[in-house]
Amino acid sequence: HADAVCSAGHFVCDRCHAATGLAWIEHVAAKSTEQDMIALLERMRAHARFPIHGPEHHALVPAAILTAWRNTGGSIAPERVSAAIRRGAAVAGGSCGFVGICGAAAGVGIAFAAILGSNPYKGDVRQVAMEAAAAAAAAVAAFHAARCCQRESWVALRTAAALSHRLLPHPLTADTQLICRQVRSNPDCLGQGCPIHPATAGRGTDPVKGCCCGG
């Protein structure tokens, strides 16, 4: 099943739709020494063919978290990072509207599960991974707005940073100031109600502070 179409009106599966973006995400994850997750978000989205919206973001979030984790001294095997990217990519495009879970929020759970070695049989860390995904989903759902994969990835990574102080062996950072440059390209833009809108970035209310994350 596919919900993306090419310029000729043909349906495009999520795997083909995301192929170029996924390869770039994997490259950045393997090579970057960056420790801030928002800086990694910007770097991964900087590729000329990286789309404004798309399931690439479902892989980007766990990739950014795990890259930052490794670069701040966390132990994570390369194959586990690759597996997390694949799991993120497997979350279908449009899941926010069709399933009720944002793929970026699911990506937080995927990354925390990879760090903690969660699986369906480990009750303690399985609970932590689900708590992380649920908190990220709640933060994304706080916006009465159409999808914006950049905003929702930013919210997910900010949530992951807040949660990391309590749920991970060491904290992560998501402090780089992100100012949206796609306002004119996104017909569904929330406008000045968005915390990364050029008119409000850095001056609005942080959607993560005061939420269930404890940030």
N, C-alpha and C. Protein backbone atom coordinates (compact mmCIF):
# COMPACT_ATOMS: atom_id res chain seq x y z
N HIS A 1 0.84 -1.19 0.00
CA HIS A 1 0.00 0.00 0.00
C HIS A 1 0.87 1.24 0.00
N ALA A 2 0.46 2.30 -0.70
CA ALA A 2 1.22 3.55 -0.73
C ALA A 2 0.26 4.72 -0.74
N ASP A 3 0.66 5.80 -0.10
CA ASP A 3 -0.15 7.01 -0.08
C ASP A 3 0.60 8.20 -0.66
N ALA A 4 1.79 7.96 -1.25
CA ALA A 4 2.53 9.00 -1.96
C ALA A 4 2.37 8.76 -3.46
N VAL A 5 2.35 9.85 -4.22
CA VAL A 5 2.24 9.73 -5.67
C VAL A 5 3.35 10.53 -6.32
N CYS A 6 3.79 10.05 -7.49
CA CYS A 6 4.78 10.80 -8.25
C CYS A 6 4.07 11.85 -9.11
N SER A 7 4.86 12.63 -9.87
CA SER A 7 4.27 13.72 -10.65
C SER A 7 3.35 13.23 -11.75
N ALA A 8 3.48 11.94 -12.13
CA ALA A 8 2.61 11.37 -13.14
C ALA A 8 1.36 10.73 -12.55
N GLY A 9 1.23 10.81 -11.23
CA GLY A 9 0.05 10.27 -10.59
C GLY A 9 0.16 8.82 -10.18
N HIS A 10 1.36 8.23 -10.33
CA HIS A 10 1.54 6.83 -9.94
C HIS A 10 1.82 6.73 -8.44
N PHE A 11 1.29 5.70 -7.81
CA PHE A 11 1.57 5.48 -6.39
C PHE A 11 3.01 5.02 -6.21
N VAL A 12 3.62 5.50 -5.13
CA VAL A 12 5.02 5.19 -4.82
C VAL A 12 5.08 4.58 -3.43
N CYS A 13 5.67 3.40 -3.31
CA CYS A 13 5.75 2.77 -2.00
C CYS A 13 6.71 3.54 -1.10
N ASP A 14 6.55 3.37 0.22
CA ASP A 14 7.38 4.09 1.18
C ASP A 14 8.86 3.78 0.99
N ARG A 15 9.19 2.54 0.63
CA ARG A 15 10.60 2.16 0.48
C ARG A 15 11.26 2.96 -0.63
N CYS A 16 10.60 3.07 -1.79
CA CYS A 16 11.18 3.82 -2.90
C CYS A 16 11.14 5.33 -2.63
N HIS A 17 10.05 5.78 -2.01
CA HIS A 17 9.90 7.19 -1.69
C HIS A 17 11.03 7.67 -0.79
N ALA A 18 11.51 6.81 0.11
CA ALA A 18 12.48 7.21 1.12
C ALA A 18 13.91 6.84 0.77
N ALA A 19 14.14 6.17 -0.37
CA ALA A 19 15.45 5.56 -0.63
C ALA A 19 16.60 6.55 -0.53
N THR A 20 16.55 7.68 -1.23
CA THR A 20 17.67 8.61 -1.23
C THR A 20 17.88 9.20 0.16
N GLY A 21 16.80 9.59 0.82
CA GLY A 21 16.91 10.15 2.16
C GLY A 21 17.48 9.17 3.16
N LEU A 22 17.09 7.90 3.06
CA LEU A 22 17.59 6.88 3.98
C LEU A 22 19.09 6.67 3.82
N ALA A 23 19.56 6.65 2.58
CA ALA A 23 20.99 6.48 2.34
C ALA A 23 21.77 7.64 2.95
N TRP A 24 21.24 8.84 2.82
CA TRP A 24 21.91 10.01 3.40
C TRP A 24 21.90 9.95 4.93
N ILE A 25 20.78 9.57 5.51
CA ILE A 25 20.69 9.42 6.97
C ILE A 25 21.75 8.44 7.46
N GLU A 26 21.86 7.30 6.80
CA GLU A 26 22.83 6.29 7.20
C GLU A 26 24.26 6.81 7.08
N HIS A 27 24.53 7.59 6.04
CA HIS A 27 25.87 8.17 5.85
C HIS A 27 26.20 9.13 6.99
N VAL A 28 25.28 10.05 7.31
CA VAL A 28 25.53 11.00 8.38
C VAL A 28 25.68 10.29 9.71
N ALA A 29 24.83 9.30 9.96
CA ALA A 29 24.90 8.56 11.22
C ALA A 29 26.25 7.87 11.38
N ALA A 30 26.80 7.36 10.30
CA ALA A 30 28.07 6.64 10.36
C ALA A 30 29.27 7.56 10.51
N LYS A 31 29.19 8.78 9.94
CA LYS A 31 30.37 9.63 9.83
C LYS A 31 30.39 10.82 10.79
N SER A 32 29.25 11.27 11.26
CA SER A 32 29.21 12.51 12.03
C SER A 32 29.79 12.35 13.43
N THR A 33 30.43 13.40 13.90
CA THR A 33 30.89 13.46 15.29
C THR A 33 30.05 14.42 16.12
N GLU A 34 28.97 14.93 15.55
CA GLU A 34 28.09 15.88 16.22
C GLU A 34 27.41 15.24 17.43
N GLN A 35 27.29 16.01 18.51
CA GLN A 35 26.68 15.50 19.74
C GLN A 35 25.28 16.06 19.99
N ASP A 36 24.91 17.13 19.32
CA ASP A 36 23.59 17.72 19.54
C ASP A 36 22.59 17.17 18.53
N MET A 37 21.46 16.68 19.02
CA MET A 37 20.50 16.00 18.14
C MET A 37 19.82 16.93 17.16
N ILE A 38 19.61 18.19 17.53
CA ILE A 38 18.98 19.13 16.59
C ILE A 38 19.94 19.49 15.47
N ALA A 39 21.21 19.62 15.78
CA ALA A 39 22.21 19.84 14.73
C ALA A 39 22.24 18.65 13.78
N LEU A 40 22.09 17.45 14.30
CA LEU A 40 22.02 16.27 13.44
C LEU A 40 20.75 16.28 12.60
N LEU A 41 19.64 16.70 13.18
CA LEU A 41 18.40 16.84 12.41
C LEU A 41 18.61 17.76 11.22
N GLU A 42 19.22 18.91 11.45
CA GLU A 42 19.46 19.86 10.36
C GLU A 42 20.41 19.27 9.32
N ARG A 43 21.44 18.58 9.76
CA ARG A 43 22.40 18.00 8.83
C ARG A 43 21.73 16.93 7.97
N MET A 44 20.94 16.08 8.58
CA MET A 44 20.30 15.01 7.83
C MET A 44 19.26 15.54 6.85
N ARG A 45 18.62 16.66 7.19
CA ARG A 45 17.62 17.23 6.29
C ARG A 45 18.22 18.17 5.25
N ALA A 46 19.55 18.37 5.29
CA ALA A 46 20.18 19.34 4.40
C ALA A 46 20.40 18.81 2.98
N HIS A 47 20.27 17.51 2.80
CA HIS A 47 20.45 16.92 1.47
C HIS A 47 19.46 17.54 0.49
N ALA A 48 19.93 17.84 -0.71
CA ALA A 48 19.10 18.55 -1.69
C ALA A 48 17.81 17.81 -2.02
N ARG A 49 17.82 16.49 -1.91
CA ARG A 49 16.63 15.70 -2.28
C ARG A 49 15.87 15.19 -1.06
N PHE A 50 16.23 15.68 0.11
CA PHE A 50 15.49 15.26 1.30
C PHE A 50 14.15 15.99 1.31
N PRO A 51 13.04 15.27 1.42
CA PRO A 51 11.72 15.91 1.28
C PRO A 51 11.30 16.69 2.53
N ILE A 52 10.41 17.64 2.33
CA ILE A 52 9.84 18.38 3.46
C ILE A 52 9.06 17.43 4.37
N HIS A 53 8.28 16.57 3.77
CA HIS A 53 7.50 15.58 4.51
C HIS A 53 7.83 14.19 3.97
N GLY A 54 7.71 13.18 4.82
CA GLY A 54 7.90 11.82 4.34
C GLY A 54 8.40 10.88 5.41
N PRO A 55 8.31 9.57 5.14
CA PRO A 55 8.70 8.57 6.14
C PRO A 55 10.20 8.54 6.43
N GLU A 56 11.00 9.29 5.66
CA GLU A 56 12.41 9.44 5.99
C GLU A 56 12.59 9.92 7.43
N HIS A 57 11.68 10.78 7.88
CA HIS A 57 11.78 11.34 9.22
C HIS A 57 11.59 10.29 10.30
N HIS A 58 10.88 9.22 9.97
CA HIS A 58 10.67 8.15 10.95
C HIS A 58 11.98 7.41 11.23
N ALA A 59 12.88 7.42 10.25
CA ALA A 59 14.22 6.85 10.43
C ALA A 59 15.20 7.89 10.98
N LEU A 60 14.99 9.15 10.60
CA LEU A 60 15.89 10.22 11.02
C LEU A 60 15.95 10.34 12.54
N VAL A 61 14.81 10.27 13.21
CA VAL A 61 14.79 10.49 14.66
C VAL A 61 15.63 9.46 15.41
N PRO A 62 15.42 8.14 15.21
CA PRO A 62 16.30 7.21 15.91
C PRO A 62 17.76 7.33 15.48
N ALA A 63 18.01 7.68 14.21
CA ALA A 63 19.38 7.85 13.75
C ALA A 63 20.06 9.01 14.49
N ALA A 64 19.35 10.12 14.64
CA ALA A 64 19.93 11.28 15.33
C ALA A 64 20.18 10.98 16.80
N ILE A 65 19.23 10.30 17.44
CA ILE A 65 19.40 9.97 18.86
C ILE A 65 20.59 9.05 19.06
N LEU A 66 20.69 8.01 18.25
CA LEU A 66 21.74 7.02 18.45
C LEU A 66 23.12 7.55 18.03
N THR A 67 23.15 8.42 17.04
CA THR A 67 24.41 9.06 16.66
C THR A 67 24.91 9.96 17.79
N ALA A 68 24.01 10.75 18.35
CA ALA A 68 24.38 11.60 19.48
C ALA A 68 24.79 10.77 20.69
N TRP A 69 24.09 9.67 20.91
CA TRP A 69 24.43 8.78 22.02
C TRP A 69 25.86 8.25 21.87
N ARG A 70 26.18 7.75 20.69
CA ARG A 70 27.53 7.24 20.43
C ARG A 70 28.58 8.33 20.59
N ASN A 71 28.27 9.52 20.07
CA ASN A 71 29.26 10.60 20.07
C ASN A 71 29.45 11.24 21.43
N THR A 72 28.57 10.95 22.37
CA THR A 72 28.74 11.44 23.74
C THR A 72 29.25 10.33 24.66
N GLY A 73 29.77 9.27 24.07
CA GLY A 73 30.41 8.22 24.85
C GLY A 73 29.56 7.01 25.12
N GLY A 74 28.33 6.98 24.60
CA GLY A 74 27.46 5.83 24.81
C GLY A 74 27.91 4.64 23.99
N SER A 75 27.68 3.47 24.52
CA SER A 75 28.04 2.25 23.82
C SER A 75 26.88 1.79 22.96
N ILE A 76 27.11 1.72 21.66
CA ILE A 76 26.08 1.24 20.74
C ILE A 76 26.78 0.66 19.51
N ALA A 77 26.50 -0.58 19.20
CA ALA A 77 27.14 -1.24 18.05
C ALA A 77 26.59 -0.68 16.74
N PRO A 78 27.42 -0.54 15.71
CA PRO A 78 26.95 -0.01 14.43
C PRO A 78 25.76 -0.78 13.88
N GLU A 79 25.76 -2.10 14.06
CA GLU A 79 24.63 -2.88 13.54
C GLU A 79 23.33 -2.58 14.27
N ARG A 80 23.44 -2.17 15.52
CA ARG A 80 22.23 -1.80 16.26
C ARG A 80 21.68 -0.46 15.77
N VAL A 81 22.57 0.45 15.41
CA VAL A 81 22.14 1.72 14.81
C VAL A 81 21.44 1.45 13.49
N SER A 82 22.04 0.61 12.66
CA SER A 82 21.44 0.28 11.37
C SER A 82 20.08 -0.37 11.54
N ALA A 83 19.96 -1.25 12.52
CA ALA A 83 18.68 -1.92 12.77
C ALA A 83 17.63 -0.91 13.19
N ALA A 84 18.00 0.07 14.02
CA ALA A 84 17.05 1.09 14.46
C ALA A 84 16.59 1.96 13.30
N ILE A 85 17.51 2.30 12.40
CA ILE A 85 17.14 3.07 11.22
C ILE A 85 16.14 2.29 10.37
N ARG A 86 16.39 0.99 10.19
CA ARG A 86 15.46 0.15 9.42
C ARG A 86 14.10 0.08 10.11
N ARG A 87 14.09 -0.04 11.42
CA ARG A 87 12.81 -0.10 12.15
C ARG A 87 12.04 1.21 12.00
N GLY A 88 12.76 2.33 12.06
CA GLY A 88 12.09 3.61 11.85
C GLY A 88 11.52 3.72 10.45
N ALA A 89 12.30 3.29 9.47
CA ALA A 89 11.84 3.35 8.08
C ALA A 89 10.63 2.47 7.83
N ALA A 90 10.45 1.45 8.66
CA ALA A 90 9.32 0.54 8.49
C ALA A 90 8.00 1.13 8.97
N VAL A 91 8.05 2.24 9.71
CA VAL A 91 6.82 2.90 10.15
C VAL A 91 6.23 3.61 8.94
N ALA A 92 5.03 3.25 8.57
CA ALA A 92 4.44 3.71 7.30
C ALA A 92 4.27 5.22 7.25
N GLY A 93 4.45 5.77 6.06
CA GLY A 93 4.14 7.17 5.84
C GLY A 93 2.67 7.45 6.13
N GLY A 94 2.41 8.58 6.74
CA GLY A 94 1.03 8.94 7.09
C GLY A 94 0.52 8.28 8.34
N SER A 95 1.40 7.61 9.10
CA SER A 95 0.94 6.91 10.30
C SER A 95 0.34 7.86 11.33
N CYS A 96 0.78 9.12 11.33
CA CYS A 96 0.22 10.08 12.29
C CYS A 96 -1.28 10.23 12.10
N GLY A 97 -1.71 10.27 10.83
CA GLY A 97 -3.13 10.46 10.56
C GLY A 97 -3.92 9.18 10.42
N PHE A 98 -3.28 8.12 9.91
CA PHE A 98 -4.00 6.88 9.63
C PHE A 98 -3.96 5.87 10.78
N VAL A 99 -2.93 5.96 11.62
CA VAL A 99 -2.76 4.99 12.70
C VAL A 99 -2.91 5.64 14.07
N GLY A 100 -2.58 6.93 14.15
CA GLY A 100 -2.67 7.62 15.43
C GLY A 100 -1.38 7.67 16.20
N ILE A 101 -0.26 7.36 15.54
CA ILE A 101 1.05 7.49 16.16
C ILE A 101 2.00 8.14 15.16
N CYS A 102 2.60 9.25 15.54
CA CYS A 102 3.57 9.92 14.69
C CYS A 102 4.83 9.07 14.58
N GLY A 103 5.34 8.89 13.37
CA GLY A 103 6.53 8.08 13.18
C GLY A 103 7.76 8.65 13.87
N ALA A 104 7.83 9.98 14.01
CA ALA A 104 8.95 10.59 14.74
C ALA A 104 8.88 10.22 16.21
N ALA A 105 7.67 10.21 16.77
CA ALA A 105 7.50 9.80 18.18
C ALA A 105 7.85 8.33 18.35
N ALA A 106 7.42 7.49 17.41
CA ALA A 106 7.79 6.08 17.47
C ALA A 106 9.31 5.93 17.40
N GLY A 107 9.96 6.83 16.67
CA GLY A 107 11.41 6.78 16.55
C GLY A 107 12.13 6.98 17.87
N VAL A 108 11.53 7.75 18.77
CA VAL A 108 12.12 7.92 20.11
C VAL A 108 12.11 6.59 20.84
N GLY A 109 10.98 5.89 20.79
CA GLY A 109 10.90 4.57 21.41
C GLY A 109 11.88 3.59 20.79
N ILE A 110 12.02 3.65 19.48
CA ILE A 110 12.96 2.76 18.78
C ILE A 110 14.38 3.00 19.27
N ALA A 111 14.77 4.27 19.40
CA ALA A 111 16.13 4.59 19.82
C ALA A 111 16.37 4.20 21.27
N PHE A 112 15.42 4.49 22.16
CA PHE A 112 15.60 4.13 23.56
C PHE A 112 15.67 2.61 23.71
N ALA A 113 14.87 1.89 22.92
CA ALA A 113 14.92 0.44 22.95
C ALA A 113 16.29 -0.07 22.52
N ALA A 114 16.87 0.55 21.49
CA ALA A 114 18.19 0.14 21.01
C ALA A 114 19.27 0.38 22.06
N ILE A 115 19.20 1.54 22.71
CA ILE A 115 20.19 1.88 23.73
C ILE A 115 20.11 0.92 24.91
N LEU A 116 18.89 0.60 25.33
CA LEU A 116 18.69 -0.18 26.54
C LEU A 116 18.63 -1.69 26.30
N GLY A 117 18.66 -2.08 25.02
CA GLY A 117 18.60 -3.51 24.71
C GLY A 117 17.23 -4.12 24.96
N SER A 118 16.20 -3.34 24.69
CA SER A 118 14.84 -3.82 24.93
C SER A 118 14.42 -4.88 23.91
N ASN A 119 13.57 -5.77 24.36
CA ASN A 119 12.89 -6.69 23.46
C ASN A 119 11.53 -7.03 24.09
N PRO A 120 10.67 -7.76 23.41
CA PRO A 120 9.33 -8.02 23.94
C PRO A 120 9.29 -8.78 25.25
N TYR A 121 10.41 -9.36 25.67
CA TYR A 121 10.42 -10.19 26.87
C TYR A 121 11.04 -9.51 28.08
N LYS A 122 11.68 -8.37 27.90
CA LYS A 122 12.33 -7.66 29.00
C LYS A 122 11.39 -6.59 29.54
N GLY A 123 10.66 -6.93 30.58
CA GLY A 123 9.60 -6.05 31.06
C GLY A 123 10.07 -4.68 31.48
N ASP A 124 11.25 -4.58 32.12
CA ASP A 124 11.68 -3.29 32.65
C ASP A 124 12.05 -2.31 31.54
N VAL A 125 12.94 -2.71 30.63
CA VAL A 125 13.36 -1.79 29.57
C VAL A 125 12.29 -1.65 28.48
N ARG A 126 11.49 -2.66 28.29
CA ARG A 126 10.35 -2.55 27.36
C ARG A 126 9.42 -1.44 27.83
N GLN A 127 9.18 -1.37 29.12
CA GLN A 127 8.34 -0.31 29.67
C GLN A 127 8.95 1.06 29.42
N VAL A 128 10.28 1.17 29.58
CA VAL A 128 10.95 2.45 29.37
C VAL A 128 10.81 2.89 27.91
N ALA A 129 11.02 1.97 26.98
CA ALA A 129 10.91 2.31 25.56
C ALA A 129 9.51 2.79 25.22
N MET A 130 8.50 2.13 25.77
CA MET A 130 7.12 2.54 25.51
C MET A 130 6.81 3.88 26.17
N GLU A 131 7.35 4.11 27.37
CA GLU A 131 7.15 5.40 28.03
C GLU A 131 7.75 6.53 27.20
N ALA A 132 8.93 6.28 26.62
CA ALA A 132 9.57 7.30 25.79
C ALA A 132 8.74 7.61 24.55
N ALA A 133 8.26 6.56 23.87
CA ALA A 133 7.44 6.77 22.68
C ALA A 133 6.14 7.49 23.03
N ALA A 134 5.53 7.12 24.16
CA ALA A 134 4.27 7.73 24.57
C ALA A 134 4.45 9.20 24.91
N ALA A 135 5.54 9.54 25.59
CA ALA A 135 5.80 10.94 25.93
C ALA A 135 6.03 11.78 24.68
N ALA A 136 6.78 11.23 23.72
CA ALA A 136 7.01 11.95 22.47
C ALA A 136 5.72 12.12 21.69
N ALA A 137 4.88 11.09 21.67
CA ALA A 137 3.59 11.18 20.98
C ALA A 137 2.71 12.24 21.62
N ALA A 138 2.72 12.32 22.95
CA ALA A 138 1.92 13.33 23.64
C ALA A 138 2.40 14.73 23.31
N ALA A 139 3.71 14.92 23.23
CA ALA A 139 4.25 16.23 22.91
C ALA A 139 3.90 16.64 21.49
N VAL A 140 3.96 15.69 20.54
CA VAL A 140 3.56 15.98 19.16
C VAL A 140 2.07 16.29 19.09
N ALA A 141 1.27 15.52 19.82
CA ALA A 141 -0.19 15.70 19.77
C ALA A 141 -0.66 16.98 20.44
N ALA A 142 0.22 17.67 21.15
CA ALA A 142 -0.16 18.93 21.79
C ALA A 142 -0.48 20.02 20.77
N PHE A 143 -0.05 19.84 19.53
CA PHE A 143 -0.29 20.84 18.49
C PHE A 143 -1.58 20.51 17.73
N HIS A 144 -2.48 21.46 17.65
CA HIS A 144 -3.69 21.32 16.85
C HIS A 144 -3.32 21.77 15.43
N ALA A 145 -2.75 20.84 14.66
CA ALA A 145 -2.14 21.24 13.39
C ALA A 145 -2.03 20.05 12.46
N ALA A 146 -1.94 20.36 11.16
CA ALA A 146 -1.63 19.33 10.17
C ALA A 146 -0.18 18.90 10.36
N ARG A 147 0.16 17.80 9.71
CA ARG A 147 1.52 17.27 9.85
C ARG A 147 2.58 18.30 9.42
N CYS A 148 3.68 18.29 10.11
CA CYS A 148 4.91 18.96 9.68
C CYS A 148 6.04 18.09 10.21
N CYS A 149 6.68 17.35 9.32
CA CYS A 149 7.67 16.38 9.75
C CYS A 149 8.88 17.03 10.41
N GLN A 150 9.22 18.24 9.99
CA GLN A 150 10.33 18.95 10.63
C GLN A 150 9.97 19.31 12.07
N ARG A 151 8.80 19.92 12.26
CA ARG A 151 8.38 20.30 13.62
C ARG A 151 8.27 19.07 14.51
N GLU A 152 7.68 18.01 14.00
CA GLU A 152 7.45 16.84 14.83
C GLU A 152 8.75 16.09 15.14
N SER A 153 9.71 16.12 14.22
CA SER A 153 11.03 15.55 14.52
C SER A 153 11.72 16.39 15.58
N TRP A 154 11.60 17.70 15.48
CA TRP A 154 12.19 18.60 16.48
C TRP A 154 11.57 18.35 17.86
N VAL A 155 10.26 18.26 17.91
CA VAL A 155 9.58 17.99 19.18
C VAL A 155 10.01 16.64 19.74
N ALA A 156 10.10 15.63 18.88
CA ALA A 156 10.49 14.29 19.33
C ALA A 156 11.90 14.30 19.91
N LEU A 157 12.82 14.99 19.26
CA LEU A 157 14.20 15.02 19.74
C LEU A 157 14.33 15.85 21.01
N ARG A 158 13.58 16.93 21.11
CA ARG A 158 13.58 17.72 22.35
C ARG A 158 13.03 16.87 23.50
N THR A 159 12.01 16.09 23.22
CA THR A 159 11.44 15.21 24.23
C THR A 159 12.45 14.14 24.63
N ALA A 160 13.14 13.58 23.64
CA ALA A 160 14.15 12.56 23.94
C ALA A 160 15.23 13.12 24.85
N ALA A 161 15.65 14.35 24.61
CA ALA A 161 16.66 14.97 25.46
C ALA A 161 16.16 15.12 26.89
N ALA A 162 14.93 15.57 27.04
CA ALA A 162 14.37 15.74 28.38
C ALA A 162 14.25 14.40 29.10
N LEU A 163 13.80 13.39 28.39
CA LEU A 163 13.65 12.06 28.99
C LEU A 163 14.98 11.41 29.34
N SER A 164 16.01 11.74 28.57
CA SER A 164 17.29 11.07 28.75
C SER A 164 17.88 11.28 30.14
N HIS A 165 17.58 12.41 30.75
CA HIS A 165 18.11 12.69 32.09
C HIS A 165 17.60 11.68 33.11
N ARG A 166 16.42 11.16 32.85
CA ARG A 166 15.78 10.25 33.81
C ARG A 166 15.84 8.79 33.37
N LEU A 167 15.83 8.55 32.08
CA LEU A 167 15.64 7.18 31.59
C LEU A 167 16.89 6.53 31.00
N LEU A 168 17.91 7.32 30.70
CA LEU A 168 19.11 6.76 30.08
C LEU A 168 20.32 6.90 31.01
N PRO A 169 21.36 6.11 30.77
CA PRO A 169 22.54 6.17 31.63
C PRO A 169 23.25 7.52 31.63
N HIS A 170 23.15 8.27 30.54
CA HIS A 170 23.67 9.65 30.56
C HIS A 170 22.79 10.52 29.65
N PRO A 171 22.77 11.83 29.91
CA PRO A 171 21.84 12.69 29.17
C PRO A 171 22.30 13.01 27.76
N LEU A 172 21.33 13.37 26.93
CA LEU A 172 21.56 13.83 25.57
C LEU A 172 21.18 15.29 25.47
N THR A 173 21.67 15.96 24.44
CA THR A 173 21.36 17.37 24.25
C THR A 173 20.62 17.60 22.93
N ALA A 174 19.73 18.59 22.95
CA ALA A 174 18.99 19.01 21.76
C ALA A 174 18.81 20.52 21.87
N ASP A 175 19.93 21.24 21.91
CA ASP A 175 19.92 22.66 22.25
C ASP A 175 20.16 23.59 21.07
N THR A 176 20.61 23.07 19.93
CA THR A 176 20.84 23.92 18.77
C THR A 176 19.54 24.63 18.38
N GLN A 177 19.62 25.94 18.15
CA GLN A 177 18.43 26.71 17.76
C GLN A 177 18.04 26.36 16.32
N LEU A 178 16.82 25.89 16.14
CA LEU A 178 16.31 25.56 14.82
C LEU A 178 15.30 26.62 14.40
N ILE A 179 15.55 27.24 13.27
CA ILE A 179 14.62 28.22 12.70
C ILE A 179 14.18 27.70 11.34
N CYS A 180 12.88 27.54 11.17
CA CYS A 180 12.33 26.94 9.96
C CYS A 180 12.63 27.80 8.73
N ARG A 181 13.04 27.11 7.66
CA ARG A 181 13.30 27.79 6.39
C ARG A 181 12.37 27.27 5.28
N GLN A 182 11.34 26.54 5.68
CA GLN A 182 10.46 25.96 4.67
C GLN A 182 9.03 26.50 4.76
N VAL A 183 8.86 27.63 5.43
CA VAL A 183 7.52 28.18 5.64
C VAL A 183 6.78 28.34 4.31
N ARG A 184 7.44 28.89 3.32
CA ARG A 184 6.79 29.16 2.04
C ARG A 184 6.58 27.90 1.21
N SER A 185 7.28 26.83 1.57
CA SER A 185 7.17 25.58 0.81
C SER A 185 6.16 24.62 1.41
N ASN A 186 5.67 24.93 2.61
CA ASN A 186 4.76 24.03 3.30
C ASN A 186 3.36 24.64 3.35
N PRO A 187 2.45 24.19 2.51
CA PRO A 187 1.11 24.78 2.49
C PRO A 187 0.32 24.54 3.77
N ASP A 188 0.76 23.58 4.59
CA ASP A 188 0.06 23.28 5.84
C ASP A 188 0.73 23.91 7.06
N CYS A 189 1.62 24.86 6.83
CA CYS A 189 2.37 25.48 7.93
C CYS A 189 1.43 26.04 9.00
N LEU A 190 1.76 25.77 10.23
CA LEU A 190 0.97 26.25 11.36
C LEU A 190 1.12 27.74 11.57
N GLY A 191 2.17 28.33 11.05
CA GLY A 191 2.40 29.76 11.23
C GLY A 191 3.06 30.06 12.57
N GLN A 192 2.73 31.20 13.13
CA GLN A 192 3.42 31.65 14.33
C GLN A 192 3.07 30.85 15.58
N GLY A 193 2.14 29.93 15.46
CA GLY A 193 1.88 29.01 16.56
C GLY A 193 2.92 27.91 16.67
N CYS A 194 3.82 27.83 15.69
CA CYS A 194 4.87 26.81 15.69
C CYS A 194 6.11 27.36 16.40
N PRO A 195 6.71 26.57 17.29
CA PRO A 195 7.86 27.05 18.05
C PRO A 195 9.13 27.23 17.24
N ILE A 196 9.18 26.73 15.99
CA ILE A 196 10.37 26.95 15.17
C ILE A 196 10.09 27.88 14.00
N HIS A 197 8.93 28.53 13.98
CA HIS A 197 8.61 29.51 12.95
C HIS A 197 9.58 30.69 13.09
N PRO A 198 10.04 31.28 11.97
CA PRO A 198 11.01 32.37 12.06
C PRO A 198 10.57 33.54 12.96
N ALA A 199 9.27 33.77 13.04
CA ALA A 199 8.79 34.89 13.85
C ALA A 199 8.76 34.59 15.34
N THR A 200 8.81 33.31 15.70
CA THR A 200 8.64 32.95 17.11
C THR A 200 9.76 32.08 17.66
N ALA A 201 10.64 31.56 16.80
CA ALA A 201 11.68 30.63 17.26
C ALA A 201 12.52 31.24 18.37
N GLY A 202 12.65 30.50 19.44
CA GLY A 202 13.45 30.94 20.57
C GLY A 202 12.73 31.86 21.53
N ARG A 203 11.51 32.25 21.17
CA ARG A 203 10.79 33.18 22.03
C ARG A 203 9.45 32.61 22.52
N GLY A 204 9.03 31.50 21.90
CA GLY A 204 7.75 30.93 22.29
C GLY A 204 7.89 29.94 23.43
N THR A 205 6.77 29.31 23.76
CA THR A 205 6.77 28.31 24.82
C THR A 205 7.34 27.01 24.31
N ASP A 206 8.24 26.44 25.08
CA ASP A 206 8.81 25.15 24.71
C ASP A 206 7.75 24.08 24.98
N PRO A 207 7.33 23.31 23.95
CA PRO A 207 6.27 22.34 24.14
C PRO A 207 6.66 21.18 25.05
N VAL A 208 7.95 21.03 25.30
CA VAL A 208 8.41 19.91 26.12
C VAL A 208 8.42 20.25 27.60
N LYS A 209 8.74 21.51 27.93
CA LYS A 209 8.84 21.89 29.33
C LYS A 209 7.47 21.78 30.00
N GLY A 210 7.47 21.15 31.15
CA GLY A 210 6.24 21.03 31.92
C GLY A 210 5.38 19.85 31.52
N CYS A 211 5.83 19.08 30.52
CA CYS A 211 5.05 17.91 30.13
C CYS A 211 5.47 16.71 30.98
N CYS A 212 4.95 15.56 30.63
CA CYS A 212 5.22 14.37 31.42
C CYS A 212 6.66 13.90 31.34
N CYS A 213 7.47 14.57 30.50
CA CYS A 213 8.87 14.16 30.38
C CYS A 213 9.68 14.51 31.62
N GLY A 214 9.24 15.52 32.35
CA GLY A 214 10.01 15.98 33.48
C GLY A 214 11.11 16.94 33.08
N GLY A 215 11.04 17.46 31.82
CA GLY A 215 12.06 18.38 31.34
C GLY A 215 11.80 19.80 31.74
